[in-house]
Amino acid sequence: MLAEVRWRTRPSVELVALVVNSLLPLVGVVTLGWNAAALLMLYWLEFGSATCWALVRALLAGRPSQLEDNHVILGAIGRKRTPIKIPYLSLQIHPTSVPVVCFAGPLLGFLWLFVGAVTVGASTTETVSPAAGSAVMLCAAGIFVSHGIATGITYIGDGEYRDHSAQTATMSVLKQLGVTFLIVLVMLPFAAEAFGENIGQGMALLVVIVVLKFGFDLASHYDDRLAAFDRRNGGIFGWSTNPPEPEPIEPLADVTTRLAPSRRNLFVSGIVNASRIPETPSILLFGFLFAAAFFSDGARMVGVGLLLASVGLPVITSTFDTWIRYGWMEYQIEDTTIVGHDRLLGGPQWRVDAWDERGLRVETTWIDDWLGTETVVVELGDIEHRVPLLSEPEPVLDVFGRRPSRPSEE
């Protein structure tokens, strides 16, 4: 097995970019006489650059992220398996990558601003001269471009995105955040103090800090390289934790029956299902309490707004969840196979053959009784697929050729 291991023979573009990015602050300290504040500013901007490109990598990750199915909206998105193709490019975006980026973007942006407030704003008493500031901005622009080139050549061009999910693609920037905090909060304050007392000694400490930063980045780079090398070779060394590779879902060749819930039924079900959201009682309770407080103070418009928000938030959330899960779903049947096909994404989301089924039941609620519909639930071990709000569920039941369990029979 070891003889088949695939090594990359050409130099890593990311390694070259790392070396260049480390030489820039070294040149600034030794040649241009940067102080600790200028170095802090560059490392802060470098972290911002790494954050931006980490989000780009996360969005283009080739494997789906793991989202808990029982979460509202997130669970609905986690069910989607067909990626969104980017026009004119051989790239695609997994639906599960979008909420990860939407969550990680503001979080990393807040951390970047927080690091800037702690470092550039408050950690030293020195200031950055106009000349040094211009040089720092120029170096930061070069670092941003080098990160972009490395992303384009190594991550996209070499196909590394195929081995990542959005969650694993953002891990490298979190490592850099830890290194930045270590340097900023532990090392640079001493260098700033030494710089004020003895310029030569302070400059020597800054050079040591730059070299240590380069060492940390180099170790992180090779840690990522070893993990990527292990992923390319099937994880035989155990150096990486592979995100699960999406299993291909074979579409039906000859569809005989197509079923889909009506828009009216989906709309009504989305509103009613707001009561099933675990957080709904708490939202209503706090909304009513705050509204009552504003009503007692005479602020009736604010109270009415809070009442509407406390009722509307669960309803809107539930409606979005229902439509993401089922709004564009079409259930295609061919003999002993049923496929859940998403018409918006243009691909199958799941497939069940009759011999794979481990449980079959029909669920009805009061809303089903009112709408005249039934929901078929197909169990596959610890996974279940729902075919909801069907006025005629018999074509789905005929796929499995047996009688389903019903609540009235249990």
Protein backbone atom coordinates (compact mmCIF):
# COMPACT_ATOMS: atom_id res chain seq x y z
CA MET A 1 0.00 0.00 0.00
CA LEU A 2 2.81 2.41 0.82
CA ALA A 3 4.24 1.99 -2.67
CA GLU A 4 1.07 3.52 -4.10
CA VAL A 5 1.24 6.63 -1.94
CA ARG A 6 1.07 9.78 -4.07
CA TRP A 7 3.51 12.53 -3.18
CA ARG A 8 3.36 16.01 -4.66
CA THR A 9 6.63 16.61 -6.51
CA ARG A 10 6.47 20.32 -7.35
CA PRO A 11 6.94 23.02 -4.72
CA SER A 12 3.83 24.07 -2.81
CA VAL A 13 2.53 27.47 -3.80
CA GLU A 14 1.23 27.90 -0.25
CA LEU A 15 4.74 27.28 1.13
CA VAL A 16 6.21 29.89 -1.21
CA ALA A 17 3.49 32.36 -0.19
CA LEU A 18 4.14 31.61 3.48
CA VAL A 19 7.88 32.30 3.10
CA VAL A 20 7.26 35.55 1.20
CA ASN A 21 4.65 36.69 3.72
CA SER A 22 7.14 36.06 6.53
CA LEU A 23 9.96 37.89 4.78
CA LEU A 24 7.89 41.07 4.40
CA PRO A 25 7.67 41.87 8.14
CA LEU A 26 11.31 40.84 8.57
CA VAL A 27 12.36 43.36 5.91
CA GLY A 28 10.11 45.95 7.55
CA VAL A 29 11.71 45.50 10.97
CA VAL A 30 15.34 45.23 9.83
CA THR A 31 15.41 47.62 6.87
CA LEU A 32 12.56 50.07 7.42
CA GLY A 33 12.82 50.27 11.21
CA TRP A 34 9.28 49.19 12.05
CA ASN A 35 8.29 49.33 15.69
CA ALA A 36 6.02 46.92 17.56
CA ALA A 37 2.87 48.88 16.62
CA ALA A 38 3.63 48.57 12.88
CA LEU A 39 4.22 44.83 13.24
CA LEU A 40 0.98 44.48 15.20
CA MET A 41 -0.91 46.28 12.47
CA LEU A 42 0.51 44.01 9.76
CA TYR A 43 -0.31 40.81 11.65
CA TRP A 44 -3.82 42.08 12.27
CA LEU A 45 -4.33 42.81 8.57
CA GLU A 46 -2.80 39.43 7.69
CA PHE A 47 -5.36 37.72 9.91
CA GLY A 48 -8.13 39.63 8.12
CA SER A 49 -6.76 38.51 4.76
CA ALA A 50 -6.60 34.89 5.89
CA THR A 51 -10.18 35.16 7.17
CA CYS A 52 -11.50 36.44 3.83
CA TRP A 53 -9.88 33.66 1.83
CA ALA A 54 -10.89 31.03 4.40
CA LEU A 55 -14.52 32.01 3.81
CA VAL A 56 -13.99 31.70 0.04
CA ARG A 57 -12.54 28.23 0.56
CA ALA A 58 -15.42 27.27 2.83
CA LEU A 59 -17.99 28.38 0.25
CA LEU A 60 -16.31 26.35 -2.52
CA ALA A 61 -15.67 23.24 -0.39
CA GLY A 62 -16.43 20.09 -2.33
CA ARG A 63 -17.97 18.05 0.49
CA PRO A 64 -21.19 18.79 2.39
CA SER A 65 -21.05 20.04 5.97
CA GLN A 66 -22.66 18.11 8.78
CA LEU A 67 -25.80 19.84 10.06
CA GLU A 68 -28.10 18.38 12.69
CA ASP A 69 -31.36 17.26 11.12
CA ASN A 70 -33.49 18.22 14.15
CA HIS A 71 -32.59 21.92 13.91
CA VAL A 72 -35.06 24.25 12.26
CA ILE A 73 -33.95 25.53 8.82
CA LEU A 74 -30.39 24.20 9.34
CA GLY A 75 -31.73 20.65 9.40
CA ALA A 76 -33.76 21.36 6.26
CA ILE A 77 -30.66 22.64 4.45
CA GLY A 78 -28.68 19.66 5.74
CA ARG A 79 -31.03 17.37 3.83
CA LYS A 80 -30.06 18.91 0.49
CA ARG A 81 -27.52 16.90 -1.48
CA THR A 82 -27.41 18.53 -4.91
CA PRO A 83 -24.76 21.27 -5.18
CA ILE A 84 -25.38 24.59 -6.90
CA LYS A 85 -23.26 24.95 -10.02
CA ILE A 86 -21.43 28.22 -10.62
CA PRO A 87 -21.98 29.39 -14.22
CA TYR A 88 -18.96 29.25 -16.56
CA LEU A 89 -16.82 27.55 -13.89
CA SER A 90 -16.27 23.91 -13.01
CA LEU A 91 -17.06 24.76 -9.40
CA GLN A 92 -20.13 24.30 -7.27
CA ILE A 93 -21.49 25.31 -3.88
CA HIS A 94 -23.02 22.79 -1.53
CA PRO A 95 -26.20 24.11 0.11
CA THR A 96 -24.85 23.04 3.51
CA SER A 97 -21.82 25.31 3.04
CA VAL A 98 -23.99 28.45 2.89
CA PRO A 99 -25.18 28.47 6.56
CA VAL A 100 -21.65 27.63 7.74
CA VAL A 101 -20.25 30.64 5.87
CA CYS A 102 -23.15 32.85 7.04
CA PHE A 103 -22.34 31.88 10.64
CA ALA A 104 -18.54 31.88 10.38
CA GLY A 105 -18.36 35.18 8.47
CA PRO A 106 -19.81 37.46 11.18
CA LEU A 107 -18.08 35.45 13.92
CA LEU A 108 -14.64 35.71 12.32
CA GLY A 109 -15.32 39.36 11.46
CA PHE A 110 -16.11 40.08 15.10
CA LEU A 111 -12.96 38.24 16.21
CA TRP A 112 -10.93 40.25 13.70
CA LEU A 113 -12.29 43.53 15.05
CA PHE A 114 -11.78 42.34 18.62
CA VAL A 115 -8.18 41.39 17.90
CA GLY A 116 -7.68 44.81 16.30
CA ALA A 117 -9.09 46.58 19.36
CA VAL A 118 -6.87 44.55 21.70
CA THR A 119 -3.73 44.80 19.56
CA VAL A 120 -3.57 47.86 17.32
CA GLY A 121 -5.80 49.89 19.60
CA ALA A 122 -4.63 49.07 23.11
CA SER A 123 -1.68 46.72 23.48
CA THR A 124 1.18 49.21 22.96
CA THR A 125 1.78 52.90 23.61
CA GLU A 126 3.64 53.31 20.31
CA THR A 127 2.20 54.82 17.16
CA VAL A 128 2.75 53.95 13.51
CA SER A 129 4.47 56.66 11.48
CA PRO A 130 2.90 57.66 8.13
CA ALA A 131 5.78 56.10 6.19
CA ALA A 132 5.59 52.85 8.16
CA GLY A 133 1.80 52.84 7.83
CA SER A 134 2.04 53.10 4.04
CA ALA A 135 4.58 50.28 3.95
CA VAL A 136 2.39 48.12 6.18
CA MET A 137 -0.64 48.66 3.94
CA LEU A 138 1.42 47.79 0.88
CA CYS A 139 2.69 44.61 2.52
CA ALA A 140 -0.85 43.72 3.62
CA ALA A 141 -2.05 44.10 0.04
CA GLY A 142 0.74 41.79 -1.13
CA ILE A 143 -0.21 39.23 1.54
CA PHE A 144 -3.87 39.40 0.46
CA VAL A 145 -2.89 38.76 -3.16
CA SER A 146 -0.58 35.89 -2.20
CA HIS A 147 -3.37 34.24 -0.22
CA GLY A 148 -5.62 34.58 -3.24
CA ILE A 149 -3.02 33.08 -5.59
CA ALA A 150 -2.43 30.16 -3.21
CA THR A 151 -6.19 29.59 -2.98
CA GLY A 152 -6.59 29.67 -6.76
CA ILE A 153 -3.64 27.42 -7.59
CA THR A 154 -3.47 24.99 -4.67
CA TYR A 155 -6.99 24.82 -3.28
CA ILE A 156 -8.94 25.14 -6.53
CA GLY A 157 -6.43 24.28 -9.26
CA ASP A 158 -5.04 21.19 -7.52
CA GLY A 159 -8.51 20.09 -6.48
CA GLU A 160 -7.97 20.24 -2.71
CA TYR A 161 -11.47 21.66 -2.31
CA ARG A 162 -12.81 18.19 -3.11
CA ASP A 163 -11.45 16.90 0.22
CA HIS A 164 -12.88 19.69 2.38
CA SER A 165 -16.19 20.68 3.85
CA ALA A 166 -16.93 24.28 4.81
CA GLN A 167 -16.21 23.36 8.43
CA THR A 168 -12.75 21.92 7.79
CA ALA A 169 -11.88 24.74 5.39
CA THR A 170 -12.16 27.32 8.18
CA MET A 171 -9.94 25.46 10.65
CA SER A 172 -6.66 26.95 9.39
CA VAL A 173 -7.76 30.51 10.15
CA LEU A 174 -8.68 29.49 13.70
CA LYS A 175 -5.13 28.17 14.15
CA GLN A 176 -3.79 31.50 12.91
CA LEU A 177 -6.06 33.30 15.37
CA GLY A 178 -4.47 31.37 18.24
CA VAL A 179 -0.96 32.19 17.03
CA THR A 180 -1.85 35.87 16.61
CA PHE A 181 -3.20 36.07 20.15
CA LEU A 182 -0.09 34.36 21.52
CA ILE A 183 2.20 36.83 19.80
CA VAL A 184 0.11 39.89 20.56
CA LEU A 185 -0.74 39.28 24.18
CA VAL A 186 2.47 37.60 25.33
CA MET A 187 5.41 38.60 23.15
CA LEU A 188 4.87 41.98 21.53
CA PRO A 189 4.20 43.98 24.74
CA PHE A 190 7.67 43.01 25.97
CA ALA A 191 9.17 44.00 22.63
CA ALA A 192 7.38 47.36 22.72
CA GLU A 193 8.69 48.09 26.19
CA ALA A 194 12.22 47.07 25.19
CA PHE A 195 11.95 49.18 22.03
CA GLY A 196 11.20 52.24 24.10
CA GLU A 197 14.24 51.69 26.34
CA ASN A 198 16.75 50.37 23.80
CA ILE A 199 16.07 50.50 20.06
CA GLY A 200 18.65 47.82 19.24
CA GLN A 201 17.33 45.42 21.86
CA GLY A 202 13.74 46.10 20.84
CA MET A 203 14.52 45.46 17.18
CA ALA A 204 16.24 42.18 18.07
CA LEU A 205 13.15 41.06 19.98
CA LEU A 206 10.93 41.98 17.03
CA VAL A 207 13.12 39.88 14.72
CA VAL A 208 12.80 36.96 17.15
CA ILE A 209 9.01 37.39 17.16
CA VAL A 210 8.90 37.41 13.34
CA VAL A 211 10.98 34.23 13.21
CA LEU A 212 8.78 32.56 15.84
CA LYS A 213 5.67 33.57 13.91
CA PHE A 214 7.19 32.05 10.80
CA GLY A 215 7.92 28.87 12.76
CA PHE A 216 4.32 28.62 13.97
CA ASP A 217 2.98 29.24 10.46
CA LEU A 218 5.38 26.67 9.00
CA ALA A 219 4.31 24.05 11.54
CA SER A 220 0.65 24.79 10.79
CA HIS A 221 1.34 24.55 7.06
CA TYR A 222 2.97 21.14 7.31
CA ASP A 223 0.25 19.97 9.66
CA ASP A 224 -2.28 20.89 6.95
CA ARG A 225 -0.06 19.31 4.27
CA LEU A 226 0.17 16.04 6.19
CA ALA A 227 -3.60 16.02 6.67
CA ALA A 228 -4.15 16.74 2.95
CA PHE A 229 -1.61 14.06 1.99
CA ASP A 230 -3.41 11.56 4.19
CA ARG A 231 -6.78 12.52 2.68
CA ARG A 232 -5.48 12.01 -0.87
CA ASN A 233 -4.36 8.51 0.09
CA GLY A 234 -7.49 7.32 1.78
CA GLY A 235 -6.59 8.21 5.38
CA ILE A 236 -4.16 5.29 5.74
CA PHE A 237 -1.99 7.14 8.28
CA GLY A 238 -4.77 8.57 10.44
CA TRP A 239 -3.42 12.13 10.24
CA SER A 240 -6.69 13.61 9.06
CA THR A 241 -10.37 13.50 9.88
CA ASN A 242 -12.09 13.29 6.52
CA PRO A 243 -15.48 14.91 6.18
CA PRO A 244 -17.83 12.32 4.72
CA GLU A 245 -17.80 12.14 0.95
CA PRO A 246 -21.27 12.57 -0.55
CA GLU A 247 -22.68 9.34 -1.91
CA PRO A 248 -23.98 9.62 -5.48
CA ILE A 249 -27.73 9.23 -5.83
CA GLU A 250 -28.79 7.55 -9.03
CA PRO A 251 -31.82 9.16 -10.68
CA LEU A 252 -34.63 7.11 -12.11
CA ALA A 253 -34.44 6.18 -15.78
CA ASP A 254 -38.17 5.84 -16.40
CA VAL A 255 -40.44 7.72 -14.02
CA THR A 256 -43.98 6.37 -14.03
CA THR A 257 -45.53 8.53 -11.26
CA ARG A 258 -44.78 12.00 -9.95
CA LEU A 259 -46.22 13.31 -6.68
CA ALA A 260 -45.86 16.63 -4.87
CA PRO A 261 -47.72 18.40 -2.05
CA SER A 262 -49.78 21.39 -3.10
CA ARG A 263 -48.58 24.91 -2.34
CA ARG A 264 -51.69 25.62 -0.30
CA ASN A 265 -51.07 22.60 1.92
CA LEU A 266 -47.41 23.55 2.37
CA PHE A 267 -48.31 27.11 3.30
CA VAL A 268 -50.90 26.02 5.88
CA SER A 269 -48.61 23.30 7.27
CA GLY A 270 -45.74 25.77 7.65
CA ILE A 271 -47.86 28.11 9.74
CA VAL A 272 -49.31 25.37 11.93
CA ASN A 273 -45.96 23.65 12.49
CA ALA A 274 -44.70 26.75 14.31
CA SER A 275 -46.18 25.20 17.44
CA ARG A 276 -43.76 22.27 17.08
CA ILE A 277 -40.64 24.44 17.31
CA PRO A 278 -39.17 23.84 20.81
CA GLU A 279 -38.33 27.53 21.30
CA THR A 280 -41.83 28.79 20.43
CA PRO A 281 -43.23 28.77 24.02
CA SER A 282 -40.22 30.70 25.34
CA ILE A 283 -40.42 33.25 22.52
CA LEU A 284 -44.13 33.79 23.15
CA LEU A 285 -43.68 34.04 26.92
CA PHE A 286 -40.87 36.62 26.81
CA GLY A 287 -42.59 38.50 23.98
CA PHE A 288 -45.80 38.84 25.96
CA LEU A 289 -43.95 39.83 29.15
CA PHE A 290 -41.95 42.57 27.44
CA ALA A 291 -45.02 43.73 25.54
CA ALA A 292 -46.99 43.96 28.81
CA ALA A 293 -44.18 46.03 30.33
CA PHE A 294 -44.26 48.51 27.43
CA PHE A 295 -48.07 48.65 27.49
CA SER A 296 -47.96 49.55 31.20
CA ASP A 297 -45.55 52.41 30.43
CA GLY A 298 -47.82 53.74 27.71
CA ALA A 299 -45.61 52.68 24.79
CA ARG A 300 -48.39 50.87 22.98
CA MET A 301 -46.80 50.83 19.53
CA VAL A 302 -43.68 49.15 20.90
CA GLY A 303 -45.84 46.65 22.75
CA VAL A 304 -47.82 45.83 19.62
CA GLY A 305 -44.57 45.41 17.69
CA LEU A 306 -43.24 42.98 20.28
CA LEU A 307 -46.47 40.98 20.20
CA LEU A 308 -46.38 40.75 16.42
CA ALA A 309 -42.68 39.80 16.46
CA SER A 310 -43.14 37.10 19.12
CA VAL A 311 -45.93 35.51 17.08
CA GLY A 312 -44.44 36.14 13.65
CA LEU A 313 -40.91 34.89 14.30
CA PRO A 314 -41.89 31.23 14.94
CA VAL A 315 -44.39 31.30 12.07
CA ILE A 316 -41.89 32.73 9.58
CA THR A 317 -39.17 30.33 10.74
CA SER A 318 -41.48 27.32 10.49
CA THR A 319 -42.71 28.37 7.06
CA PHE A 320 -39.16 28.75 5.75
CA ASP A 321 -38.24 25.35 7.18
CA THR A 322 -41.26 23.67 5.56
CA TRP A 323 -40.61 25.21 2.17
CA ILE A 324 -36.89 24.42 2.21
CA ARG A 325 -37.64 20.79 3.10
CA TYR A 326 -40.63 20.15 0.84
CA GLY A 327 -41.51 23.25 -1.21
CA TRP A 328 -39.74 22.19 -4.40
CA MET A 329 -39.68 18.45 -3.78
CA GLU A 330 -41.16 16.05 -6.29
CA TYR A 331 -41.47 12.37 -5.44
CA GLN A 332 -40.73 10.20 -8.46
CA ILE A 333 -41.74 6.55 -8.59
CA GLU A 334 -40.59 3.70 -10.83
CA ASP A 335 -41.76 0.19 -9.95
CA THR A 336 -40.10 -0.59 -6.58
CA THR A 337 -38.11 2.63 -6.18
CA ILE A 338 -38.97 6.13 -4.99
CA VAL A 339 -36.71 9.17 -5.36
CA GLY A 340 -37.06 12.55 -3.67
CA HIS A 341 -36.15 15.05 -6.40
CA ASP A 342 -35.60 18.77 -5.74
CA ARG A 343 -36.88 20.75 -8.70
CA LEU A 344 -35.13 23.94 -7.59
CA LEU A 345 -31.69 22.36 -7.27
CA GLY A 346 -32.34 20.05 -10.21
CA GLY A 347 -31.23 16.76 -8.67
CA PRO A 348 -32.22 13.82 -6.47
CA GLN A 349 -31.89 14.29 -2.71
CA TRP A 350 -32.56 10.70 -1.64
CA ARG A 351 -33.49 7.33 -3.07
CA VAL A 352 -35.17 4.35 -1.45
CA ASP A 353 -35.48 0.92 -3.03
CA ALA A 354 -38.17 -1.36 -1.66
CA TRP A 355 -35.65 -3.86 -0.25
CA ASP A 356 -33.85 -1.13 1.74
CA GLU A 357 -36.95 -0.11 3.71
CA ARG A 358 -36.91 -1.04 7.42
CA GLY A 359 -40.14 0.57 8.50
CA LEU A 360 -43.21 2.06 6.84
CA ARG A 361 -45.88 4.12 8.54
CA VAL A 362 -48.55 6.68 7.77
CA GLU A 363 -48.91 9.73 10.00
CA THR A 364 -51.95 11.96 10.26
CA THR A 365 -52.45 15.04 12.42
CA TRP A 366 -55.43 17.31 12.86
CA ILE A 367 -54.10 19.48 10.06
CA ASP A 368 -53.99 16.39 7.80
CA ASP A 369 -57.59 15.63 8.74
CA TRP A 370 -58.56 19.20 7.87
CA LEU A 371 -56.64 19.20 4.56
CA GLY A 372 -57.55 15.63 3.67
CA THR A 373 -53.91 14.51 3.43
CA GLU A 374 -51.55 11.91 4.87
CA THR A 375 -47.78 11.76 5.39
CA VAL A 376 -45.83 8.59 4.52
CA VAL A 377 -42.67 7.95 6.55
CA VAL A 378 -40.07 5.49 5.22
CA GLU A 379 -37.50 4.29 7.76
CA LEU A 380 -33.97 3.22 6.82
CA GLY A 381 -32.37 2.25 10.14
CA ASP A 382 -31.53 5.54 11.86
CA ILE A 383 -32.62 7.61 8.84
CA GLU A 384 -36.15 8.32 7.75
CA HIS A 385 -37.59 10.07 4.73
CA ARG A 386 -40.95 11.81 4.79
CA VAL A 387 -43.35 12.18 1.86
CA PRO A 388 -45.72 14.78 3.33
CA LEU A 389 -49.20 16.11 2.71
CA LEU A 390 -50.31 13.63 0.05
CA SER A 391 -53.96 13.52 -0.89
CA GLU A 392 -53.38 10.09 -2.46
CA PRO A 393 -50.52 8.21 -0.75
CA GLU A 394 -51.31 4.85 -2.40
CA PRO A 395 -48.68 5.17 -5.19
CA VAL A 396 -45.97 5.57 -2.52
CA LEU A 397 -47.26 2.64 -0.46
CA ASP A 398 -47.46 0.43 -3.55
CA VAL A 399 -43.69 0.79 -4.00
CA PHE A 400 -43.09 -1.31 -0.91
CA GLY A 401 -45.90 -3.77 -1.49
CA ARG A 402 -46.97 -4.08 2.10
CA ARG A 403 -49.39 -2.58 4.58
CA PRO A 404 -48.04 0.39 6.58
CA SER A 405 -48.56 0.95 10.28
CA ARG A 406 -51.03 3.66 11.24
CA PRO A 407 -51.57 5.49 14.54
CA SER A 408 -55.04 4.01 14.88
CA GLU A 409 -53.61 0.49 14.65
CA GLU A 410 -50.91 0.94 17.35
